[in-house]
Structure formats: structure tokens, C-alpha cells
Protein backbone atom coordinates (compact mmCIF):
# COMPACT_ATOMS: atom_id res chain seq x y z
CA UNK A 1 -0.09 0.03 0.09
CA UNK A 2 1.26 3.38 -1.10
CA UNK A 3 1.63 5.78 1.83
CA UNK A 4 0.54 9.31 1.05
CA UNK A 5 2.73 11.84 3.00
CA UNK A 6 0.76 13.97 5.51
CA UNK A 7 1.04 17.86 4.64
CA UNK A 8 3.15 19.63 7.41
CA UNK A 9 0.97 22.00 9.41
CA UNK A 10 1.60 25.59 8.75
CA UNK A 11 0.25 28.52 10.88
CA UNK A 12 0.59 32.26 10.20
CA UNK A 13 0.30 35.55 12.01
CA UNK A 14 -0.47 38.34 9.31
CA UNK A 15 -0.47 42.00 10.92
CA UNK A 16 -0.69 45.17 9.10
CA UNK A 17 2.23 47.79 9.43
CA UNK A 18 -0.24 50.65 10.16
CA UNK A 19 0.39 51.16 13.87
CA UNK A 20 1.82 49.52 16.94
CA UNK A 21 1.18 46.00 17.67
CA UNK A 22 -1.01 45.88 20.87
CA UNK A 23 -1.95 43.00 23.29
CA UNK A 24 -4.51 41.54 21.16
CA UNK A 25 -1.97 41.08 18.58
CA UNK A 26 0.28 39.43 21.03
CA UNK A 27 -2.27 36.90 21.91
CA UNK A 28 -2.80 36.04 18.31
CA UNK A 29 0.89 35.82 17.54
CA UNK A 30 1.84 33.67 20.43
CA UNK A 31 -1.28 31.43 20.04
CA UNK A 32 -0.13 30.80 16.44
CA UNK A 33 3.44 30.05 17.35
CA UNK A 34 2.58 27.69 19.86
CA UNK A 35 -0.04 25.74 18.30
CA UNK A 36 2.35 25.49 15.29
CA UNK A 37 5.22 24.03 17.78
CA UNK A 38 2.41 21.64 19.36
CA UNK A 39 1.31 20.28 15.82
CA UNK A 40 5.15 19.95 14.85
CA UNK A 41 4.50 22.61 11.99
CA UNK A 42 5.83 25.94 10.82
CA UNK A 43 4.96 29.43 12.11
CA UNK A 44 5.04 32.06 9.23
CA UNK A 45 4.79 35.66 9.19
CA UNK A 46 2.99 37.67 6.57
CA UNK A 47 3.05 41.60 6.34
CA UNK A 48 -0.23 42.81 4.96
CA UNK A 49 0.67 46.08 3.62
CA UNK A 50 -1.66 46.65 0.71
CA UNK A 51 -2.56 50.02 2.16
CA UNK A 52 0.20 51.95 1.02
CA UNK A 53 -0.93 55.22 2.44
CA UNK A 54 -1.25 53.93 6.05
CA UNK A 55 1.43 51.15 6.16
CA UNK A 56 4.98 52.22 6.63
CA UNK A 57 8.35 50.71 6.95
CA UNK A 58 8.86 51.98 10.39
CA UNK A 59 5.80 50.16 11.53
CA UNK A 60 6.90 47.01 9.96
CA UNK A 61 10.27 47.20 11.57
CA UNK A 62 8.66 47.65 14.89
CA UNK A 63 6.65 44.46 14.20
CA UNK A 64 9.65 42.41 13.90
CA UNK A 65 11.21 44.03 17.12
CA UNK A 66 7.94 43.32 19.13
CA UNK A 67 7.51 39.67 18.13
CA UNK A 68 11.14 38.92 18.57
CA UNK A 69 11.08 40.39 22.06
CA UNK A 70 8.23 38.11 22.92
CA UNK A 71 10.55 35.15 21.89
CA UNK A 72 8.96 34.24 18.76
CA UNK A 73 10.75 33.17 15.68
CA UNK A 74 9.26 32.63 12.24
CA UNK A 75 10.36 31.04 9.01
CA UNK A 76 12.19 33.22 6.41
CA UNK A 77 11.37 34.80 3.86
CA UNK A 78 8.51 37.02 5.30
CA UNK A 79 5.72 37.50 2.79
CA UNK A 80 4.85 41.03 1.94
CA UNK A 81 1.60 41.47 0.05
CA UNK A 82 2.98 44.75 -1.58
CA UNK A 83 5.35 42.27 -3.68
CA UNK A 84 2.49 40.20 -4.83
CA UNK A 85 -0.01 42.38 -6.54
CA UNK A 86 0.09 40.53 -9.69
CA UNK A 87 -1.24 37.38 -7.84
CA UNK A 88 -4.27 39.20 -6.52
CA UNK A 89 -5.04 40.68 -10.02
CA UNK A 90 -4.58 37.34 -11.53
CA UNK A 91 -7.29 35.95 -9.02
CA UNK A 92 -9.54 38.95 -9.80
CA UNK A 93 -9.24 38.37 -13.54
CA UNK A 94 -10.28 34.81 -13.09
CA UNK A 95 -13.61 36.09 -11.43
CA UNK A 96 -13.94 38.80 -13.94
CA UNK A 97 -13.78 36.16 -16.70
CA UNK A 98 -16.35 34.08 -15.23
CA UNK A 99 -18.80 37.01 -14.93
CA UNK A 100 -18.75 36.76 -11.12
CA UNK A 101 -17.74 40.39 -10.45
CA UNK A 102 -18.72 43.77 -11.74
CA UNK A 103 -17.18 47.13 -11.81
CA UNK A 104 -18.76 49.42 -9.02
CA UNK A 105 -18.88 53.16 -9.67
CA UNK A 106 -20.94 54.96 -6.66
CA UNK A 107 -18.80 56.94 -4.34
CA UNK A 108 -18.96 56.45 -0.55
CA UNK A 109 -20.89 59.49 -0.28
CA UNK A 110 -23.43 58.32 -3.04
CA UNK A 111 -23.82 55.00 -1.11
CA UNK A 112 -24.33 57.14 2.11
CA UNK A 113 -27.07 59.33 0.60
CA UNK A 114 -28.85 56.23 -0.88
CA UNK A 115 -29.10 54.70 2.70
CA UNK A 116 -30.02 57.88 4.32
CA UNK A 117 -32.83 58.28 1.70
CA UNK A 118 -34.31 55.06 2.35
CA UNK A 119 -34.09 55.09 6.06
CA UNK A 120 -35.57 58.55 6.02
CA UNK A 121 -38.63 56.80 4.75
CA UNK A 122 -38.67 54.30 7.58
CA UNK A 123 -37.09 51.51 5.78
CA UNK A 124 -34.05 50.02 7.48
CA UNK A 125 -31.17 49.40 5.13
CA UNK A 126 -29.79 46.03 5.38
CA UNK A 127 -26.32 45.61 7.25
CA UNK A 128 -23.47 43.01 6.91
CA UNK A 129 -22.19 41.13 10.07
CA UNK A 130 -19.77 44.03 10.86
CA UNK A 131 -22.78 46.53 10.75
CA UNK A 132 -21.84 48.29 7.51
CA UNK A 133 -24.70 49.09 4.92
CA UNK A 134 -24.62 46.56 2.16
CA UNK A 135 -23.77 48.05 -1.19
CA UNK A 136 -26.75 49.21 -3.55
CA UNK A 137 -27.61 47.37 -6.43
CA UNK A 138 -27.22 50.34 -8.81
CA UNK A 139 -23.88 49.02 -10.42
CA UNK A 140 -24.90 45.45 -10.41
CA UNK A 141 -28.06 46.09 -12.67
CA UNK A 142 -26.14 48.35 -15.28
CA UNK A 143 -26.18 47.11 -18.68
CA UNK A 144 -22.95 45.92 -20.28
CA UNK A 145 -22.97 48.80 -22.75
CA UNK A 146 -23.11 51.25 -19.81
CA UNK A 147 -20.34 49.51 -17.95
CA UNK A 148 -18.21 49.50 -20.86
CA UNK A 149 -18.80 53.30 -21.49
CA UNK A 150 -17.90 54.09 -17.87
CA UNK A 151 -14.92 51.94 -17.84
CA UNK A 152 -13.58 53.56 -21.18
CA UNK A 153 -14.28 56.95 -19.80
CA UNK A 154 -11.56 56.32 -16.91
CA UNK A 155 -13.87 57.03 -14.22
CA UNK A 156 -12.69 55.43 -10.77
CA UNK A 157 -14.25 52.24 -9.84
CA UNK A 158 -13.92 49.20 -7.70
CA UNK A 159 -14.66 45.63 -8.40
CA UNK A 160 -17.29 43.95 -6.39
CA UNK A 161 -18.40 40.32 -6.14
CA UNK A 162 -21.90 39.64 -7.70
CA UNK A 163 -23.15 37.56 -4.70
CA UNK A 164 -26.08 36.13 -6.37
CA UNK A 165 -24.08 34.75 -9.30
CA UNK A 166 -21.28 33.54 -7.05
CA UNK A 167 -23.53 31.48 -5.08
CA UNK A 168 -25.19 30.22 -7.96
CA UNK A 169 -21.78 28.72 -9.42
CA UNK A 170 -21.35 26.69 -5.95
CA UNK A 171 -22.38 23.10 -6.13
CA UNK A 172 -22.34 22.24 -2.60
CA UNK A 173 -23.29 23.90 0.81
CA UNK A 174 -20.30 25.70 2.28
CA UNK A 175 -18.93 25.17 5.57
CA UNK A 176 -15.72 25.28 7.47
CA UNK A 177 -14.09 23.17 10.41
CA UNK A 178 -13.88 25.49 13.57
CA UNK A 179 -12.09 24.62 16.75
CA UNK A 180 -11.99 27.98 18.40
CA UNK A 181 -13.42 29.64 21.52
CA UNK A 182 -16.88 30.13 20.07
CA UNK A 183 -18.95 27.68 17.90
CA UNK A 184 -17.22 24.40 17.17
CA UNK A 185 -17.16 21.73 14.58
CA UNK A 186 -18.72 22.16 11.05
CA UNK A 187 -19.83 25.76 10.67
CA UNK A 188 -22.43 26.65 7.76
CA UNK A 189 -21.09 29.57 5.82
CA UNK A 190 -23.36 32.29 4.82
CA UNK A 191 -21.94 34.52 2.54
CA UNK A 192 -24.82 36.18 1.30
CA UNK A 193 -25.18 38.26 4.76
CA UNK A 194 -22.20 40.15 3.33
CA UNK A 195 -23.82 41.26 0.19
CA UNK A 196 -21.70 42.27 -2.98
CA UNK A 197 -18.27 42.65 -1.21
CA UNK A 198 -15.50 44.79 -2.56
CA UNK A 199 -12.59 42.85 -4.05
CA UNK A 200 -10.42 45.54 -5.59
CA UNK A 201 -10.52 49.39 -5.40
CA UNK A 202 -8.99 52.27 -7.43
CA UNK A 203 -6.54 52.93 -4.76
CA UNK A 204 -5.76 49.23 -3.72
CA UNK A 205 -5.18 46.21 -5.86
CA UNK A 206 -7.01 43.85 -3.62
CA UNK A 207 -9.39 43.85 -0.79
CA UNK A 208 -8.72 41.92 2.50
CA UNK A 209 -10.98 39.27 1.57
CA UNK A 210 -9.36 38.43 -1.78
CA UNK A 211 -5.61 38.94 -0.83
CA UNK A 212 -6.11 36.63 2.40
CA UNK A 213 -7.17 33.49 0.55
CA UNK A 214 -4.66 34.19 -2.34
CA UNK A 215 -1.88 34.32 0.44
CA UNK A 216 -2.97 31.30 2.44
CA UNK A 217 -2.97 29.10 -0.48
CA UNK A 218 0.52 30.49 -1.77
CA UNK A 219 1.93 30.03 1.53
CA UNK A 220 0.39 26.50 2.10
CA UNK A 221 -1.44 27.67 5.30
CA UNK A 222 -3.25 24.72 7.00
CA UNK A 223 -4.40 26.29 10.05
CA UNK A 224 -5.86 29.93 10.37
CA UNK A 225 -5.78 31.02 13.91
CA UNK A 226 -7.23 34.55 14.38
CA UNK A 227 -9.61 36.52 16.39
CA UNK A 228 -13.31 36.03 16.82
CA UNK A 229 -14.02 39.34 15.10
CA UNK A 230 -13.06 37.59 11.65
CA UNK A 231 -15.34 34.56 12.41
CA UNK A 232 -18.26 35.76 10.23
CA UNK A 233 -15.80 36.88 7.45
CA UNK A 234 -14.77 33.21 6.96
CA UNK A 235 -17.96 32.61 5.15
CA UNK A 236 -16.63 35.00 2.32
CA UNK A 237 -13.18 33.37 2.40
CA UNK A 238 -14.97 29.92 2.04
CA UNK A 239 -16.89 31.18 -0.96
CA UNK A 240 -13.67 32.72 -2.68
CA UNK A 241 -11.57 29.57 -1.94
CA UNK A 242 -14.14 27.65 -3.60
CA UNK A 243 -14.61 29.68 -6.70
CA UNK A 244 -10.94 30.07 -7.29
CA UNK A 245 -10.18 26.36 -6.53
CA UNK A 246 -8.03 27.01 -3.45
CA UNK A 247 -7.54 24.59 -0.75
CA UNK A 248 -9.59 25.04 2.58
CA UNK A 249 -7.67 25.43 5.89
CA UNK A 250 -8.97 24.55 9.27
CA UNK A 251 -10.00 27.47 11.23
CA UNK A 252 -9.64 28.55 14.95
CA UNK A 253 -10.96 31.88 16.09
CA UNK A 254 -9.72 32.80 19.53
CA UNK A 255 -11.08 35.10 22.17
CA UNK A 256 -10.65 38.84 21.90
CA UNK A 257 -8.96 41.07 24.34
CA UNK A 258 -11.28 43.86 25.44
CA UNK A 259 -10.27 47.25 26.62
CA UNK A 260 -11.69 49.43 29.60
CA UNK A 261 -14.46 50.35 27.37
CA UNK A 262 -15.57 46.97 26.59
CA UNK A 263 -14.48 46.97 23.00
CA UNK A 264 -11.85 44.91 21.43
CA UNK A 265 -8.42 46.60 21.35
CA UNK A 266 -7.65 48.63 18.39
CA UNK A 267 -4.87 50.48 16.63
CA UNK A 268 -7.31 53.09 15.48
CA UNK A 269 -8.39 53.72 19.02
CA UNK A 270 -4.66 54.36 20.11
CA UNK A 271 -4.75 51.24 22.54
CA UNK A 272 -1.30 50.70 24.37
CA UNK A 273 1.17 49.06 22.18
CA UNK A 274 3.50 46.05 23.09
CA UNK A 275 6.47 48.64 22.70
CA UNK A 276 5.02 50.87 25.28
CA UNK A 277 4.63 47.92 27.94
CA UNK A 278 8.14 47.05 27.04
CA UNK A 279 9.39 50.53 27.96
CA UNK A 280 7.40 50.65 31.17
CA UNK A 281 9.51 47.63 32.25
CA UNK A 282 7.40 44.53 31.39
CA UNK A 283 8.95 41.34 30.67
CA UNK A 284 7.38 39.03 28.06
CA UNK A 285 6.33 36.62 30.90
CA UNK A 286 4.34 39.45 32.54
CA UNK A 287 2.68 40.39 29.28
CA UNK A 288 1.77 36.61 28.81
CA UNK A 289 -0.03 36.62 32.14
CA UNK A 290 -1.62 40.07 31.38
CA UNK A 291 -3.31 38.34 28.33
CA UNK A 292 -4.10 35.03 30.02
CA UNK A 293 -1.48 32.70 28.83
């Protein structure tokens, strides 16, 4: 009997260099590293720097410093998203050729105005799991001739997934295997709740949803360990993986660390970074105890 070699487990921590890492990042990074060691696998680091306006080399350098201080080691080379834009465009082109995406021309202001107009009449606008209004149907319902005319004019546009067509292209129900701190087992995916998600913008060659599935496949990631705030986004990722013929990792969504306001820690809210705790004299062991490890 021929023995088929088992794929070596691969875990990854994928921060964005757009601000200091905080305690929530430390929890995720440590969990990924320790789970990789326990599984006899590899711990990889990915720098998600698609947003070239907010991501900086200094923040990226700080990520390496913080993770090294925590005692974490990762495989080289580090994957940097800014070096793989063609891979995301290739994936997007596959979806374009299959007719599963469409160019979206509405500005944020136009979307906001449509939402406000509807709600002014007492009708609630549908929201995605993150509480963001779903994209209006205007662009999805444009004729091919009108789309070609707008594209030829050079007007700025994004590319959005046509959720209805994408789901129609799926043969079997979507699910994923979950082992995290919330629901466990086989989880039914429900990507329709996200509406027509954006996959690429005029100022960014790829969205988080598209780049993350392409990156995970390119790096051979077998286990995705990340915060519970991304639990529902897994529905979109499973849909894109299936449409693009990409492998399905196992998922583990861990608990979130909350600030004094009861909300999850956030760079945008200026929550205290790992470097600041280090400057205050904390040791890596003290930090681990602080985050419950």
C-alpha cells in the first residue's frame, strides 16, 4: 500500500504595519506560534501592507522588534503583500472572466446618500455582520454597454463580487471546520449576509478578503488562527476559496482582548502597544500573564 505523506501543518500571523502592535496582536501571534510548535508545524509571518497610504516601513520594523522580544521565531522569507500584487490581479481576472464580479462606480458619499434616503422613509437598510450597509444594487443592474462606456471614460471604480451569481456557481453548501473559542465543529457558511463585497479598489489592488485567501493558498497555510472578530468573514473566504479552486484551511477563532470601554483593542483607538509595555519595564512573561497565557 502506498503511503501518502501528510502535509506539514503551517500557521501564520498576518499583521498590518499601520500602527503599533497591541496586546490582542500578542495573543494571536503567541497562539499561532505555540499551536504550530505543538502540531510539529511551521510558524510563518505575513506583512499585510496593501494599504500603501497607512502602512510604513517603520511600523513594519517595529513588528519584527515586538515579536522577537516576545521570543517568537518565524520562517523566512516573510511574505509581504506589496510584493504580490500581480497574484491578486490574476485571481480577480479569473472572477471577471467568469462574470462573477462587476465594476462598481458609486462613491462612498453616494452610497451614504442612498442609505439615508431609504431610512428617512422608515425602511431600514440591510447591514452586513460588521454593521456596514450593504452595497446598493445600482451598479449590479447596469447594462454591459453602460459598464463599458463608464470603464472607457476612465472613471474610478472598484470591483465587487456579484453575490447572487457567485452563490449560483457553487454546487454544494459551504462550511468550514472550527476549533476556536466560540462555536465548534462544522460551521455553515452564509456569505449572502455580506452582500456584494469589494474585491479591489482604484486605490488598492486587492481587498482583505481576496488577498487573504490568495496568500493562505500561496503559503500553504493549513491552520488559520485569528480573532473572533473575523469569524463571520470566514463565510466570504470559503466562498472565494471555492470559486478560485483554492485549498480549505482549518480555522480557529480565538477570544478577543477588550479595553476598559468593553470594546476590542484597536490600533485606530490608540490602545497601548507592546512597545510601550516594554518601555514601562514589563517582561515577556508578565505580558503573557496579562493576556491570560
